[in-house]
Amino acid sequence: MMTTIPNTTFRTRQRNDALEGPNPFEWKNVTSADVFENKRIVLFAIPGAFTPTCSTTHLPGYEAKYNDFKALGIDEVICLSVNDAFVMYQWGLHQGAKNVKLLPDGSGTFTRHMGMLVDKDNLGFGMRSWRYSMYVENGQIKKIFAEAGLEDNCGSDPFEVSDADTILAWLQANG
């Protein structure tokens, strides 16, 4: 298992209130160091925005437990998906996500370097992230909860260990 976060750049969209019009956003490159350096991060990765389990259980579970994570000293809770910044933004609005930061890995580079990029062509998705969660301290992976059965074109969508309750219980027990 990898112990250090991959050094990648995420293409994000950031609001710029100086911009006028219906799209007050601009591109901003965010590096792995920007996201993880000198921080305690809980990150969970999903196969796709707007998909059933991700929308009804996975993201809502982390959003509901956000204050519990903060009480344990977690700086940010991040949801990563191999979706572009536009899709992640709209999904966040649709979900009413207020606390969990949505991080687009549009090209799947971070996910590939994590060893979690899988082909989901059987569902018409193409390359996507396997479902997992992890606790990261200053860029070092301290614990990862990856769903069983990591494989291309998996016939199921396991969701047993990457949920908010599992990693929260681990954090409570392991400080």
N, C-alpha and C. Protein backbone atom coordinates (compact mmCIF):
# COMPACT_ATOMS: atom_id res chain seq x y z
N MET A 1 0.84 -1.19 0.00
CA MET A 1 0.00 0.00 0.00
C MET A 1 0.88 1.25 0.00
N MET A 2 0.48 2.21 -0.76
CA MET A 2 1.16 3.49 -0.80
C MET A 2 1.05 4.15 0.57
N THR A 3 2.11 4.81 1.00
CA THR A 3 2.06 5.49 2.29
C THR A 3 2.10 7.01 2.16
N THR A 4 2.49 7.51 0.99
CA THR A 4 2.54 8.94 0.76
C THR A 4 1.56 9.30 -0.35
N ILE A 5 0.88 10.41 -0.17
CA ILE A 5 -0.08 10.89 -1.16
C ILE A 5 0.66 11.19 -2.48
N PRO A 6 0.09 10.79 -3.62
CA PRO A 6 0.72 11.11 -4.90
C PRO A 6 0.81 12.63 -5.13
N ASN A 7 1.87 13.05 -5.76
CA ASN A 7 2.06 14.45 -6.08
C ASN A 7 1.39 14.74 -7.42
N THR A 8 0.21 15.31 -7.37
CA THR A 8 -0.54 15.61 -8.58
C THR A 8 -1.12 17.02 -8.50
N THR A 9 -1.69 17.45 -9.61
CA THR A 9 -2.36 18.75 -9.67
C THR A 9 -3.82 18.52 -10.05
N PHE A 10 -4.70 19.12 -9.29
CA PHE A 10 -6.14 19.05 -9.55
C PHE A 10 -6.56 20.34 -10.24
N ARG A 11 -7.36 20.20 -11.30
CA ARG A 11 -7.92 21.37 -11.99
C ARG A 11 -9.27 21.67 -11.35
N THR A 12 -9.34 22.78 -10.65
CA THR A 12 -10.57 23.15 -9.94
C THR A 12 -11.10 24.47 -10.48
N ARG A 13 -12.30 24.78 -10.09
CA ARG A 13 -12.91 26.07 -10.39
C ARG A 13 -13.14 26.77 -9.06
N GLN A 14 -12.69 28.01 -8.97
CA GLN A 14 -12.82 28.79 -7.75
C GLN A 14 -13.65 30.04 -8.03
N ARG A 15 -14.52 30.36 -7.09
CA ARG A 15 -15.33 31.56 -7.22
C ARG A 15 -14.43 32.80 -7.11
N ASN A 16 -14.67 33.77 -7.99
CA ASN A 16 -13.97 35.05 -7.95
C ASN A 16 -15.05 36.13 -8.02
N ASP A 17 -15.34 36.74 -6.86
CA ASP A 17 -16.43 37.72 -6.80
C ASP A 17 -16.15 38.97 -7.64
N ALA A 18 -14.92 39.15 -8.07
CA ALA A 18 -14.59 40.28 -8.94
C ALA A 18 -15.11 40.06 -10.36
N LEU A 19 -15.38 38.81 -10.70
CA LEU A 19 -15.91 38.50 -12.03
C LEU A 19 -17.42 38.72 -12.03
N GLU A 20 -17.92 39.33 -13.08
CA GLU A 20 -19.35 39.57 -13.19
C GLU A 20 -19.98 38.54 -14.11
N GLY A 21 -21.28 38.46 -14.05
CA GLY A 21 -22.01 37.57 -14.94
C GLY A 21 -22.44 36.28 -14.26
N PRO A 22 -23.00 35.39 -15.04
CA PRO A 22 -23.58 34.16 -14.47
C PRO A 22 -22.55 33.10 -14.09
N ASN A 23 -21.28 33.30 -14.46
CA ASN A 23 -20.27 32.29 -14.18
C ASN A 23 -19.04 32.96 -13.54
N PRO A 24 -19.15 33.35 -12.26
CA PRO A 24 -18.04 34.06 -11.60
C PRO A 24 -16.95 33.11 -11.08
N PHE A 25 -16.55 32.19 -11.91
CA PHE A 25 -15.55 31.20 -11.52
C PHE A 25 -14.37 31.24 -12.48
N GLU A 26 -13.21 30.86 -11.98
CA GLU A 26 -12.02 30.79 -12.82
C GLU A 26 -11.26 29.52 -12.46
N TRP A 27 -10.43 29.07 -13.41
CA TRP A 27 -9.63 27.88 -13.18
C TRP A 27 -8.57 28.15 -12.13
N LYS A 28 -8.33 27.16 -11.28
CA LYS A 28 -7.25 27.25 -10.31
C LYS A 28 -6.63 25.86 -10.16
N ASN A 29 -5.34 25.79 -10.37
CA ASN A 29 -4.62 24.54 -10.13
C ASN A 29 -4.37 24.40 -8.64
N VAL A 30 -4.70 23.24 -8.11
CA VAL A 30 -4.49 22.93 -6.69
C VAL A 30 -3.63 21.68 -6.64
N THR A 31 -2.51 21.76 -5.95
CA THR A 31 -1.61 20.61 -5.86
C THR A 31 -1.94 19.72 -4.68
N SER A 32 -1.37 18.54 -4.70
CA SER A 32 -1.51 17.64 -3.55
C SER A 32 -1.01 18.32 -2.28
N ALA A 33 0.09 19.06 -2.39
CA ALA A 33 0.62 19.77 -1.23
C ALA A 33 -0.39 20.78 -0.70
N ASP A 34 -1.06 21.49 -1.61
CA ASP A 34 -2.09 22.46 -1.18
C ASP A 34 -3.19 21.77 -0.37
N VAL A 35 -3.55 20.58 -0.79
CA VAL A 35 -4.65 19.87 -0.15
C VAL A 35 -4.24 19.20 1.16
N PHE A 36 -3.04 18.58 1.18
CA PHE A 36 -2.69 17.69 2.28
C PHE A 36 -1.59 18.17 3.23
N GLU A 37 -0.75 19.10 2.79
CA GLU A 37 0.41 19.47 3.60
C GLU A 37 -0.01 20.17 4.90
N ASN A 38 0.58 19.70 6.01
CA ASN A 38 0.33 20.26 7.34
C ASN A 38 -1.15 20.22 7.74
N LYS A 39 -1.85 19.20 7.29
CA LYS A 39 -3.27 19.05 7.60
C LYS A 39 -3.59 17.61 7.96
N ARG A 40 -4.68 17.46 8.69
CA ARG A 40 -5.27 16.15 8.97
C ARG A 40 -6.53 16.07 8.12
N ILE A 41 -6.52 15.14 7.16
CA ILE A 41 -7.58 15.06 6.15
C ILE A 41 -8.24 13.69 6.19
N VAL A 42 -9.56 13.69 6.08
CA VAL A 42 -10.31 12.48 5.78
C VAL A 42 -10.79 12.64 4.34
N LEU A 43 -10.40 11.72 3.49
CA LEU A 43 -10.80 11.75 2.09
C LEU A 43 -11.55 10.47 1.78
N PHE A 44 -12.66 10.60 1.10
CA PHE A 44 -13.35 9.42 0.59
C PHE A 44 -13.54 9.60 -0.90
N ALA A 45 -13.38 8.50 -1.62
CA ALA A 45 -13.46 8.53 -3.08
C ALA A 45 -14.67 7.72 -3.53
N ILE A 46 -15.32 8.25 -4.54
CA ILE A 46 -16.55 7.66 -5.05
C ILE A 46 -16.43 7.40 -6.55
N PRO A 47 -17.24 6.48 -7.08
CA PRO A 47 -17.22 6.23 -8.52
C PRO A 47 -17.75 7.39 -9.36
N GLY A 48 -18.74 8.14 -8.84
CA GLY A 48 -19.24 9.23 -9.66
C GLY A 48 -20.30 10.07 -9.00
N ALA A 49 -20.22 11.37 -9.26
CA ALA A 49 -21.27 12.29 -8.84
C ALA A 49 -22.59 11.88 -9.48
N PHE A 50 -23.66 12.15 -8.80
CA PHE A 50 -25.02 11.88 -9.26
C PHE A 50 -25.36 10.39 -9.35
N THR A 51 -24.47 9.51 -8.91
CA THR A 51 -24.78 8.08 -8.94
C THR A 51 -25.52 7.70 -7.66
N PRO A 52 -26.27 6.60 -7.66
CA PRO A 52 -27.18 6.29 -6.56
C PRO A 52 -26.54 6.21 -5.17
N THR A 53 -25.60 5.31 -4.95
CA THR A 53 -25.03 5.15 -3.61
C THR A 53 -24.27 6.39 -3.18
N CYS A 54 -23.56 6.99 -4.11
CA CYS A 54 -22.78 8.20 -3.80
C CYS A 54 -23.69 9.34 -3.35
N SER A 55 -24.87 9.45 -3.98
CA SER A 55 -25.79 10.56 -3.71
C SER A 55 -26.73 10.30 -2.54
N THR A 56 -27.09 9.06 -2.31
CA THR A 56 -28.07 8.78 -1.25
C THR A 56 -27.43 8.42 0.08
N THR A 57 -26.19 7.91 0.06
CA THR A 57 -25.59 7.41 1.28
C THR A 57 -24.18 7.93 1.54
N HIS A 58 -23.29 7.80 0.54
CA HIS A 58 -21.88 8.07 0.79
C HIS A 58 -21.63 9.53 1.17
N LEU A 59 -21.89 10.48 0.28
CA LEU A 59 -21.70 11.89 0.60
C LEU A 59 -22.59 12.34 1.75
N PRO A 60 -23.88 12.02 1.76
CA PRO A 60 -24.71 12.46 2.89
C PRO A 60 -24.21 11.95 4.25
N GLY A 61 -23.64 10.75 4.28
CA GLY A 61 -23.11 10.22 5.54
C GLY A 61 -21.96 11.05 6.07
N TYR A 62 -21.07 11.45 5.19
CA TYR A 62 -19.93 12.29 5.62
C TYR A 62 -20.40 13.70 5.97
N GLU A 63 -21.34 14.21 5.22
CA GLU A 63 -21.88 15.54 5.52
C GLU A 63 -22.53 15.54 6.91
N ALA A 64 -23.28 14.48 7.23
CA ALA A 64 -23.95 14.39 8.53
C ALA A 64 -22.96 14.26 9.69
N LYS A 65 -21.83 13.64 9.46
CA LYS A 65 -20.83 13.39 10.52
C LYS A 65 -19.71 14.44 10.53
N TYR A 66 -19.82 15.46 9.70
CA TYR A 66 -18.75 16.45 9.56
C TYR A 66 -18.30 17.03 10.90
N ASN A 67 -19.24 17.43 11.73
CA ASN A 67 -18.88 18.02 13.02
C ASN A 67 -18.17 17.03 13.93
N ASP A 68 -18.50 15.75 13.81
CA ASP A 68 -17.81 14.72 14.58
C ASP A 68 -16.35 14.62 14.15
N PHE A 69 -16.09 14.71 12.85
CA PHE A 69 -14.72 14.71 12.35
C PHE A 69 -13.96 15.95 12.84
N LYS A 70 -14.60 17.10 12.74
CA LYS A 70 -13.96 18.35 13.18
C LYS A 70 -13.63 18.28 14.67
N ALA A 71 -14.50 17.68 15.47
CA ALA A 71 -14.25 17.56 16.91
C ALA A 71 -13.02 16.71 17.21
N LEU A 72 -12.65 15.85 16.28
CA LEU A 72 -11.46 15.01 16.44
C LEU A 72 -10.20 15.67 15.86
N GLY A 73 -10.33 16.91 15.43
CA GLY A 73 -9.17 17.63 14.91
C GLY A 73 -8.91 17.47 13.42
N ILE A 74 -9.89 16.95 12.71
CA ILE A 74 -9.74 16.82 11.25
C ILE A 74 -9.92 18.20 10.63
N ASP A 75 -8.98 18.59 9.78
CA ASP A 75 -9.03 19.91 9.16
C ASP A 75 -10.07 19.98 8.04
N GLU A 76 -10.11 18.94 7.21
CA GLU A 76 -11.08 18.93 6.12
C GLU A 76 -11.54 17.51 5.84
N VAL A 77 -12.78 17.40 5.40
CA VAL A 77 -13.33 16.15 4.88
C VAL A 77 -13.52 16.39 3.38
N ILE A 78 -12.93 15.52 2.58
CA ILE A 78 -12.90 15.71 1.13
C ILE A 78 -13.51 14.52 0.42
N CYS A 79 -14.36 14.80 -0.55
CA CYS A 79 -14.91 13.79 -1.44
C CYS A 79 -14.24 13.94 -2.79
N LEU A 80 -13.57 12.89 -3.23
CA LEU A 80 -12.86 12.89 -4.51
C LEU A 80 -13.59 11.99 -5.50
N SER A 81 -13.69 12.46 -6.74
CA SER A 81 -14.29 11.65 -7.79
C SER A 81 -13.62 11.95 -9.12
N VAL A 82 -13.56 10.95 -9.97
CA VAL A 82 -13.05 11.15 -11.32
C VAL A 82 -14.20 11.74 -12.15
N ASN A 83 -14.47 12.99 -11.84
CA ASN A 83 -15.43 13.83 -12.55
C ASN A 83 -14.78 15.19 -12.72
N ASP A 84 -15.27 15.96 -13.67
CA ASP A 84 -14.70 17.30 -13.87
C ASP A 84 -15.26 18.29 -12.85
N ALA A 85 -14.63 19.44 -12.78
CA ALA A 85 -14.99 20.47 -11.80
C ALA A 85 -16.43 20.95 -11.96
N PHE A 86 -16.92 21.01 -13.19
CA PHE A 86 -18.28 21.48 -13.43
C PHE A 86 -19.31 20.50 -12.87
N VAL A 87 -19.08 19.21 -13.09
CA VAL A 87 -19.98 18.17 -12.58
C VAL A 87 -19.95 18.16 -11.05
N MET A 88 -18.76 18.23 -10.47
CA MET A 88 -18.65 18.20 -9.00
C MET A 88 -19.36 19.41 -8.38
N TYR A 89 -19.23 20.57 -9.00
CA TYR A 89 -19.89 21.77 -8.49
C TYR A 89 -21.42 21.60 -8.51
N GLN A 90 -21.95 21.17 -9.64
CA GLN A 90 -23.40 21.00 -9.76
C GLN A 90 -23.92 19.91 -8.82
N TRP A 91 -23.16 18.85 -8.65
CA TRP A 91 -23.57 17.79 -7.72
C TRP A 91 -23.60 18.33 -6.30
N GLY A 92 -22.60 19.12 -5.94
CA GLY A 92 -22.58 19.72 -4.61
C GLY A 92 -23.80 20.58 -4.36
N LEU A 93 -24.19 21.38 -5.36
CA LEU A 93 -25.40 22.19 -5.24
C LEU A 93 -26.63 21.29 -5.09
N HIS A 94 -26.72 20.28 -5.94
CA HIS A 94 -27.85 19.35 -5.91
C HIS A 94 -27.96 18.64 -4.56
N GLN A 95 -26.81 18.29 -3.98
CA GLN A 95 -26.78 17.57 -2.70
C GLN A 95 -26.93 18.50 -1.50
N GLY A 96 -26.77 19.79 -1.71
CA GLY A 96 -26.80 20.72 -0.59
C GLY A 96 -25.58 20.55 0.32
N ALA A 97 -24.47 20.13 -0.26
CA ALA A 97 -23.24 19.90 0.51
C ALA A 97 -22.72 21.25 1.02
N LYS A 98 -22.61 21.36 2.32
CA LYS A 98 -22.17 22.61 2.94
C LYS A 98 -20.78 22.51 3.53
N ASN A 99 -20.38 21.32 3.95
CA ASN A 99 -19.14 21.15 4.71
C ASN A 99 -18.09 20.32 4.00
N VAL A 100 -18.49 19.23 3.39
CA VAL A 100 -17.55 18.36 2.70
C VAL A 100 -17.06 19.06 1.45
N LYS A 101 -15.74 19.09 1.28
CA LYS A 101 -15.14 19.71 0.10
C LYS A 101 -15.15 18.69 -1.04
N LEU A 102 -15.64 19.10 -2.19
CA LEU A 102 -15.68 18.22 -3.36
C LEU A 102 -14.46 18.51 -4.22
N LEU A 103 -13.67 17.47 -4.47
CA LEU A 103 -12.41 17.63 -5.19
C LEU A 103 -12.47 16.83 -6.50
N PRO A 104 -12.45 17.52 -7.64
CA PRO A 104 -12.49 16.83 -8.93
C PRO A 104 -11.12 16.29 -9.31
N ASP A 105 -11.10 15.03 -9.70
CA ASP A 105 -9.90 14.39 -10.27
C ASP A 105 -10.26 14.05 -11.71
N GLY A 106 -10.54 15.09 -12.48
CA GLY A 106 -11.10 14.94 -13.82
C GLY A 106 -10.38 13.97 -14.74
N SER A 107 -9.08 13.98 -14.72
CA SER A 107 -8.32 13.08 -15.58
C SER A 107 -7.99 11.76 -14.91
N GLY A 108 -8.29 11.64 -13.62
CA GLY A 108 -8.02 10.40 -12.89
C GLY A 108 -6.56 10.21 -12.51
N THR A 109 -5.76 11.25 -12.60
CA THR A 109 -4.33 11.12 -12.33
C THR A 109 -4.06 10.73 -10.88
N PHE A 110 -4.65 11.44 -9.94
CA PHE A 110 -4.47 11.12 -8.52
C PHE A 110 -4.95 9.69 -8.26
N THR A 111 -6.12 9.38 -8.76
CA THR A 111 -6.72 8.05 -8.55
C THR A 111 -5.85 6.96 -9.15
N ARG A 112 -5.30 7.19 -10.33
CA ARG A 112 -4.40 6.20 -10.96
C ARG A 112 -3.17 5.98 -10.09
N HIS A 113 -2.56 7.07 -9.62
CA HIS A 113 -1.37 6.94 -8.78
C HIS A 113 -1.68 6.28 -7.43
N MET A 114 -2.90 6.39 -6.98
CA MET A 114 -3.32 5.71 -5.75
C MET A 114 -3.55 4.21 -5.99
N GLY A 115 -3.58 3.79 -7.25
CA GLY A 115 -3.86 2.39 -7.57
C GLY A 115 -5.33 2.07 -7.48
N MET A 116 -6.18 3.10 -7.58
CA MET A 116 -7.62 2.93 -7.39
C MET A 116 -8.44 3.24 -8.65
N LEU A 117 -7.77 3.44 -9.79
CA LEU A 117 -8.48 3.72 -11.02
C LEU A 117 -8.94 2.41 -11.65
N VAL A 118 -10.24 2.30 -11.86
CA VAL A 118 -10.81 1.08 -12.45
C VAL A 118 -11.69 1.43 -13.64
N ASP A 119 -11.80 0.49 -14.55
CA ASP A 119 -12.67 0.64 -15.71
C ASP A 119 -14.08 0.25 -15.30
N LYS A 120 -15.02 1.14 -15.51
CA LYS A 120 -16.43 0.85 -15.23
C LYS A 120 -17.23 0.96 -16.53
N ASP A 121 -16.60 0.50 -17.61
CA ASP A 121 -17.24 0.55 -18.92
C ASP A 121 -18.51 -0.30 -18.94
N ASN A 122 -18.56 -1.33 -18.10
CA ASN A 122 -19.77 -2.15 -18.04
C ASN A 122 -21.00 -1.34 -17.63
N LEU A 123 -20.76 -0.19 -16.99
CA LEU A 123 -21.86 0.70 -16.59
C LEU A 123 -21.94 1.95 -17.47
N GLY A 124 -21.04 2.01 -18.47
CA GLY A 124 -21.01 3.18 -19.34
C GLY A 124 -20.29 4.37 -18.73
N PHE A 125 -19.52 4.15 -17.66
CA PHE A 125 -18.83 5.24 -16.97
C PHE A 125 -17.43 5.50 -17.51
N GLY A 126 -16.77 4.49 -18.05
CA GLY A 126 -15.35 4.64 -18.39
C GLY A 126 -14.50 4.47 -17.14
N MET A 127 -13.36 5.16 -17.10
CA MET A 127 -12.44 5.03 -15.97
C MET A 127 -12.94 5.86 -14.79
N ARG A 128 -12.99 5.23 -13.62
CA ARG A 128 -13.49 5.88 -12.40
C ARG A 128 -12.71 5.41 -11.19
N SER A 129 -12.99 6.02 -10.07
CA SER A 129 -12.34 5.63 -8.82
C SER A 129 -13.06 4.44 -8.20
N TRP A 130 -12.25 3.56 -7.62
CA TRP A 130 -12.80 2.53 -6.74
C TRP A 130 -13.22 3.25 -5.47
N ARG A 131 -14.19 2.71 -4.78
CA ARG A 131 -14.70 3.33 -3.56
C ARG A 131 -13.75 3.03 -2.39
N TYR A 132 -13.27 4.10 -1.72
CA TYR A 132 -12.40 3.94 -0.55
C TYR A 132 -12.45 5.21 0.30
N SER A 133 -11.94 5.10 1.51
CA SER A 133 -11.74 6.27 2.36
C SER A 133 -10.37 6.16 2.99
N MET A 134 -9.82 7.30 3.41
CA MET A 134 -8.51 7.25 4.05
C MET A 134 -8.33 8.45 4.98
N TYR A 135 -7.46 8.22 5.95
CA TYR A 135 -7.04 9.28 6.87
C TYR A 135 -5.61 9.63 6.51
N VAL A 136 -5.37 10.93 6.29
CA VAL A 136 -4.06 11.41 5.85
C VAL A 136 -3.58 12.50 6.81
N GLU A 137 -2.35 12.35 7.28
CA GLU A 137 -1.71 13.36 8.14
C GLU A 137 -0.49 13.91 7.41
N ASN A 138 -0.51 15.20 7.11
CA ASN A 138 0.61 15.87 6.47
C ASN A 138 1.13 15.10 5.24
N GLY A 139 0.21 14.65 4.41
CA GLY A 139 0.58 13.95 3.19
C GLY A 139 0.90 12.48 3.34
N GLN A 140 0.84 11.95 4.56
CA GLN A 140 1.13 10.55 4.81
C GLN A 140 -0.18 9.80 5.07
N ILE A 141 -0.40 8.73 4.33
CA ILE A 141 -1.60 7.92 4.52
C ILE A 141 -1.41 7.09 5.78
N LYS A 142 -2.27 7.32 6.77
CA LYS A 142 -2.18 6.61 8.03
C LYS A 142 -3.11 5.40 8.06
N LYS A 143 -4.25 5.49 7.36
CA LYS A 143 -5.20 4.38 7.32
C LYS A 143 -6.04 4.51 6.06
N ILE A 144 -6.26 3.38 5.41
CA ILE A 144 -7.11 3.37 4.22
C ILE A 144 -8.13 2.24 4.36
N PHE A 145 -9.35 2.53 4.00
CA PHE A 145 -10.43 1.55 4.00
C PHE A 145 -10.92 1.42 2.56
N ALA A 146 -10.41 0.41 1.85
CA ALA A 146 -10.80 0.18 0.46
C ALA A 146 -11.83 -0.94 0.41
N GLU A 147 -12.83 -0.75 -0.39
CA GLU A 147 -13.85 -1.77 -0.55
C GLU A 147 -13.23 -3.02 -1.19
N ALA A 148 -13.74 -4.17 -0.81
CA ALA A 148 -13.25 -5.45 -1.33
C ALA A 148 -13.61 -5.59 -2.82
N GLY A 149 -12.81 -6.37 -3.51
CA GLY A 149 -13.14 -6.74 -4.89
C GLY A 149 -12.65 -5.79 -5.95
N LEU A 150 -11.63 -5.00 -5.64
CA LEU A 150 -11.08 -4.04 -6.60
C LEU A 150 -10.77 -4.73 -7.92
N GLU A 151 -11.52 -4.35 -8.97
CA GLU A 151 -11.30 -4.91 -10.30
C GLU A 151 -12.03 -4.08 -11.33
N ASP A 152 -11.56 -4.17 -12.56
CA ASP A 152 -12.25 -3.53 -13.67
C ASP A 152 -13.59 -4.20 -13.90
N ASN A 153 -14.56 -3.37 -14.29
CA ASN A 153 -15.91 -3.85 -14.66
C ASN A 153 -16.53 -4.77 -13.61
N CYS A 154 -16.33 -4.40 -12.35
CA CYS A 154 -16.90 -5.17 -11.24
C CYS A 154 -18.43 -5.23 -11.39
N GLY A 155 -18.98 -6.38 -11.14
CA GLY A 155 -20.41 -6.58 -11.29
C GLY A 155 -21.24 -6.03 -10.15
N SER A 156 -20.57 -5.55 -9.09
CA SER A 156 -21.29 -4.96 -7.96
C SER A 156 -20.62 -3.66 -7.56
N ASP A 157 -21.21 -2.97 -6.62
CA ASP A 157 -20.67 -1.71 -6.11
C ASP A 157 -20.59 -1.83 -4.59
N PRO A 158 -19.55 -2.53 -4.10
CA PRO A 158 -19.47 -2.74 -2.65
C PRO A 158 -19.37 -1.42 -1.88
N PHE A 159 -20.07 -1.38 -0.76
CA PHE A 159 -20.07 -0.21 0.12
C PHE A 159 -20.22 -0.69 1.55
N GLU A 160 -19.11 -1.20 2.09
CA GLU A 160 -19.12 -1.78 3.43
C GLU A 160 -18.18 -1.06 4.40
N VAL A 161 -17.02 -0.56 3.91
CA VAL A 161 -16.00 -0.03 4.83
C VAL A 161 -15.58 1.41 4.54
N SER A 162 -16.03 2.00 3.45
CA SER A 162 -15.59 3.36 3.12
C SER A 162 -16.57 4.42 3.60
N ASP A 163 -17.53 4.02 4.40
CA ASP A 163 -18.54 4.92 4.93
C ASP A 163 -17.97 5.80 6.05
N ALA A 164 -18.70 6.83 6.39
CA ALA A 164 -18.27 7.78 7.43
C ALA A 164 -18.14 7.11 8.79
N ASP A 165 -19.06 6.25 9.15
CA ASP A 165 -19.04 5.63 10.48
C ASP A 165 -17.80 4.78 10.70
N THR A 166 -17.34 4.05 9.69
CA THR A 166 -16.18 3.18 9.83
C THR A 166 -14.92 3.98 10.13
N ILE A 167 -14.64 5.00 9.34
CA ILE A 167 -13.42 5.77 9.55
C ILE A 167 -13.52 6.64 10.81
N LEU A 168 -14.72 7.09 11.12
CA LEU A 168 -14.92 7.87 12.35
C LEU A 168 -14.64 7.00 13.58
N ALA A 169 -15.13 5.77 13.59
CA ALA A 169 -14.86 4.86 14.70
C ALA A 169 -13.36 4.58 14.82
N TRP A 170 -12.67 4.41 13.68
CA TRP A 170 -11.24 4.18 13.71
C TRP A 170 -10.50 5.39 14.30
N LEU A 171 -10.90 6.58 13.88
CA LEU A 171 -10.28 7.81 14.40
C LEU A 171 -10.52 7.97 15.90
N GLN A 172 -11.71 7.63 16.34
CA GLN A 172 -12.03 7.74 17.78
C GLN A 172 -11.19 6.76 18.59
N ALA A 173 -10.92 5.59 18.03
CA ALA A 173 -10.14 4.57 18.74
C ALA A 173 -8.64 4.80 18.64
N ASN A 174 -8.19 5.49 17.58
CA ASN A 174 -6.75 5.61 17.32
C ASN A 174 -6.23 7.04 17.37
N GLY A 175 -7.11 7.98 17.74
CA GLY A 175 -6.72 9.36 17.94
C GLY A 175 -6.07 9.98 16.80
